[in-house]
Amino acid sequence: MINLFLENLNFINFFAILILIALFAVFLFLYIKRSMQESISSKLSELYSKIKNDINFAVAPNSINLSPSTDDFIQFALEIWRIEQRMTKLAETLPENQRKGLENSVQKFKRYLEKYDIEIVDYTNQKFNDGLNLDVLSVEKEPAISESIVKETVEPTVMYRGQVIKKAKIIVLSKLN
């Protein structure tokens, strides 16, 4: 009977070890399967992302939008005005064909600004009004004038659709009191 008991005990131990090995194999199988699924899932996700980027690149426009900013238009308008002022000073010294060529170029630039509703306003020799939206840099006194005028426009006003986007800088010639 003891012999039978020992045989049963060995059989139970063997069976328990066999069950433990089977459980370990099942857990190992499930762990490997889960890690493979995660690996496959991450690889598929990565592949999907690459394909999506490739498709977006393929259908995206090939040109870059280089629209100028407001400040670029303001600077462009100021430079056109400065060129025009310099041409006026040098007009007598330039040969007529060169002067006309430069005048045509400036007019083309001005038409470009007009196309975008941008206007350059020079106040030189105009009556000065305190209500104007101008930066007065200095005031010079003159007894021979009857009313204040703008002696010089240092920088013009730049307007967009009738709205001031850059105030003029001026020098005022005022009546001596």
Protein backbone atom coordinates (compact mmCIF):
# COMPACT_ATOMS: atom_id res chain seq x y z
CA MET A 1 0.00 0.00 0.00
CA ILE A 2 2.81 2.38 0.72
CA ASN A 3 4.25 1.46 -2.60
CA LEU A 4 0.99 2.34 -4.30
CA PHE A 5 0.82 5.55 -2.36
CA LEU A 6 4.34 6.51 -3.45
CA GLU A 7 3.54 5.66 -7.05
CA ASN A 8 0.41 7.82 -6.89
CA LEU A 9 2.40 10.61 -5.27
CA ASN A 10 5.04 10.42 -8.02
CA PHE A 11 2.26 10.37 -10.61
CA ILE A 12 0.60 13.42 -8.97
CA ASN A 13 3.96 15.24 -8.83
CA PHE A 14 4.64 14.36 -12.42
CA PHE A 15 1.14 15.44 -13.43
CA ALA A 16 1.47 18.72 -11.44
CA ILE A 17 4.82 19.45 -13.08
CA LEU A 18 3.31 18.63 -16.45
CA ILE A 19 0.40 21.03 -15.76
CA LEU A 20 2.86 23.74 -14.64
CA ILE A 21 4.90 23.25 -17.82
CA ALA A 22 1.71 23.40 -19.90
CA LEU A 23 0.57 26.58 -18.12
CA PHE A 24 4.00 28.12 -18.59
CA ALA A 25 3.90 27.18 -22.30
CA VAL A 26 0.40 28.72 -22.67
CA PHE A 27 1.49 31.95 -20.93
CA LEU A 28 4.66 32.07 -23.01
CA PHE A 29 2.61 31.51 -26.18
CA LEU A 30 0.13 34.26 -25.22
CA TYR A 31 2.95 36.65 -24.33
CA ILE A 32 4.76 36.03 -27.64
CA LYS A 33 1.49 36.34 -29.57
CA ARG A 34 0.65 39.64 -27.83
CA SER A 35 4.10 41.11 -28.39
CA MET A 36 3.97 40.07 -32.06
CA GLN A 37 0.56 41.72 -32.42
CA GLU A 38 1.90 44.92 -30.84
CA SER A 39 4.94 44.79 -33.10
CA ILE A 40 2.78 44.21 -36.18
CA SER A 41 0.38 46.93 -35.04
CA SER A 42 3.18 49.47 -34.57
CA LYS A 43 4.75 48.51 -37.92
CA LEU A 44 1.38 48.87 -39.66
CA SER A 45 0.84 52.20 -37.96
CA GLU A 46 4.27 53.39 -39.06
CA LEU A 47 3.65 52.16 -42.62
CA TYR A 48 0.24 53.90 -42.68
CA SER A 49 1.87 57.15 -41.55
CA LYS A 50 4.56 56.93 -44.28
CA ILE A 51 1.96 56.21 -46.98
CA LYS A 52 -0.20 59.08 -45.76
CA ASN A 53 2.76 61.49 -45.90
CA ASP A 54 3.71 60.28 -49.36
CA ILE A 55 0.16 60.77 -50.62
CA ASN A 56 -0.05 64.26 -49.07
CA PHE A 57 3.26 65.19 -50.68
CA ALA A 58 2.13 63.82 -54.04
CA VAL A 59 -1.13 65.80 -54.11
CA ALA A 60 0.17 69.00 -52.46
CA PRO A 61 0.75 71.99 -54.74
CA ASN A 62 4.30 72.18 -55.98
CA SER A 63 4.57 75.96 -55.70
CA ILE A 64 5.25 77.97 -52.60
CA ASN A 65 2.88 80.81 -51.78
CA LEU A 66 5.01 83.94 -51.50
CA SER A 67 2.38 86.54 -50.79
CA PRO A 68 3.93 89.78 -49.61
CA SER A 69 3.08 91.13 -46.19
CA THR A 70 1.62 94.55 -45.47
CA ASP A 71 5.02 95.79 -44.36
CA ASP A 72 6.50 94.66 -47.68
CA PHE A 73 3.89 96.71 -49.57
CA ILE A 74 4.58 99.73 -47.35
CA GLN A 75 8.32 99.49 -47.95
CA PHE A 76 7.74 99.02 -51.69
CA ALA A 77 5.50 102.12 -51.81
CA LEU A 78 8.06 104.19 -49.88
CA GLU A 79 10.84 103.14 -52.23
CA ILE A 80 8.76 104.03 -55.29
CA TRP A 81 8.14 107.49 -53.78
CA ARG A 82 11.86 107.92 -52.98
CA ILE A 83 12.85 106.96 -56.54
CA GLU A 84 10.32 109.44 -57.89
CA GLN A 85 11.74 112.20 -55.64
CA ARG A 86 15.30 111.44 -56.74
CA MET A 87 14.24 111.40 -60.40
CA THR A 88 12.64 114.84 -60.01
CA LYS A 89 15.93 116.23 -58.65
CA LEU A 90 17.99 114.57 -61.39
CA ALA A 91 15.55 115.11 -64.31
CA GLU A 92 17.52 117.94 -65.87
CA THR A 93 20.81 116.03 -65.81
CA LEU A 94 19.48 112.83 -67.40
CA PRO A 95 19.18 112.34 -71.15
CA GLU A 96 15.53 112.39 -72.24
CA ASN A 97 15.37 108.71 -73.23
CA GLN A 98 16.74 107.60 -69.84
CA ARG A 99 14.42 109.96 -67.96
CA LYS A 100 11.38 108.67 -69.86
CA GLY A 101 12.46 105.06 -69.29
CA LEU A 102 12.71 105.65 -65.54
CA GLU A 103 9.40 107.51 -65.48
CA ASN A 104 7.72 104.59 -67.28
CA SER A 105 9.17 102.13 -64.78
CA VAL A 106 7.94 104.18 -61.82
CA GLN A 107 4.48 104.43 -63.42
CA LYS A 108 4.38 100.63 -63.81
CA PHE A 109 5.25 100.24 -60.13
CA LYS A 110 2.53 102.72 -59.19
CA ARG A 111 -0.01 100.81 -61.31
CA TYR A 112 0.98 97.67 -59.44
CA LEU A 113 0.22 99.41 -56.13
CA GLU A 114 -3.06 100.77 -57.50
CA LYS A 115 -4.02 97.23 -58.48
CA TYR A 116 -3.88 96.38 -54.76
CA ASP A 117 -5.66 99.63 -53.70
CA ILE A 118 -2.50 101.16 -52.25
CA GLU A 119 -2.02 104.90 -52.56
CA ILE A 120 1.00 107.12 -51.87
CA VAL A 121 0.17 110.63 -50.63
CA ASP A 122 2.79 113.40 -50.69
CA TYR A 123 1.73 116.57 -48.81
CA THR A 124 4.54 118.89 -49.98
CA ASN A 125 3.28 122.48 -50.59
CA GLN A 126 -0.25 121.61 -49.42
CA LYS A 127 -2.10 123.55 -46.72
CA PHE A 128 -1.35 122.12 -43.30
CA ASN A 129 -4.34 121.08 -41.21
CA ASP A 130 -3.90 120.00 -37.58
CA GLY A 131 -6.59 117.35 -38.09
CA LEU A 132 -4.53 115.38 -40.62
CA ASN A 133 -3.06 112.08 -39.48
CA LEU A 134 0.59 113.14 -39.92
CA ASP A 135 3.79 112.97 -37.88
CA VAL A 136 5.19 116.52 -37.70
CA LEU A 137 8.96 116.27 -37.39
CA SER A 138 9.53 120.02 -37.08
CA VAL A 139 7.88 123.40 -37.52
CA GLU A 140 9.73 126.26 -39.20
CA LYS A 141 8.52 129.86 -38.89
CA GLU A 142 8.11 132.12 -41.95
CA PRO A 143 6.68 135.67 -41.76
CA ALA A 144 5.86 135.94 -45.48
CA ILE A 145 3.16 133.24 -45.59
CA SER A 146 -0.50 133.67 -44.71
CA GLU A 147 -1.26 130.10 -43.62
CA SER A 148 0.69 127.02 -42.56
CA ILE A 149 1.81 124.68 -45.32
CA VAL A 150 3.75 121.44 -45.54
CA LYS A 151 7.25 122.53 -46.51
CA GLU A 152 8.56 119.03 -47.06
CA THR A 153 7.32 115.46 -46.96
CA VAL A 154 10.11 113.37 -45.48
CA GLU A 155 8.06 110.16 -45.90
CA PRO A 156 4.63 110.01 -47.57
CA THR A 157 1.41 108.59 -46.20
CA VAL A 158 0.66 105.10 -47.46
CA MET A 159 -3.02 104.23 -47.65
CA TYR A 160 -4.82 100.96 -48.27
CA ARG A 161 -8.41 101.24 -49.45
CA GLY A 162 -8.62 104.75 -48.02
CA GLN A 163 -7.22 103.77 -44.63
CA VAL A 164 -3.84 105.07 -43.41
CA ILE A 165 -1.41 102.19 -42.91
CA LYS A 166 1.70 104.40 -42.65
CA LYS A 167 1.61 108.03 -41.48
CA ALA A 168 3.55 110.69 -43.36
CA LYS A 169 6.51 112.42 -41.74
CA ILE A 170 6.50 116.09 -42.60
CA ILE A 171 8.12 119.47 -41.93
CA VAL A 172 5.63 122.31 -41.51
CA LEU A 173 6.20 125.91 -42.54
CA SER A 174 4.15 128.08 -40.18
CA LYS A 175 3.26 131.77 -40.12
CA LEU A 176 5.34 133.78 -37.67
CA ASN A 177 3.08 135.07 -34.90
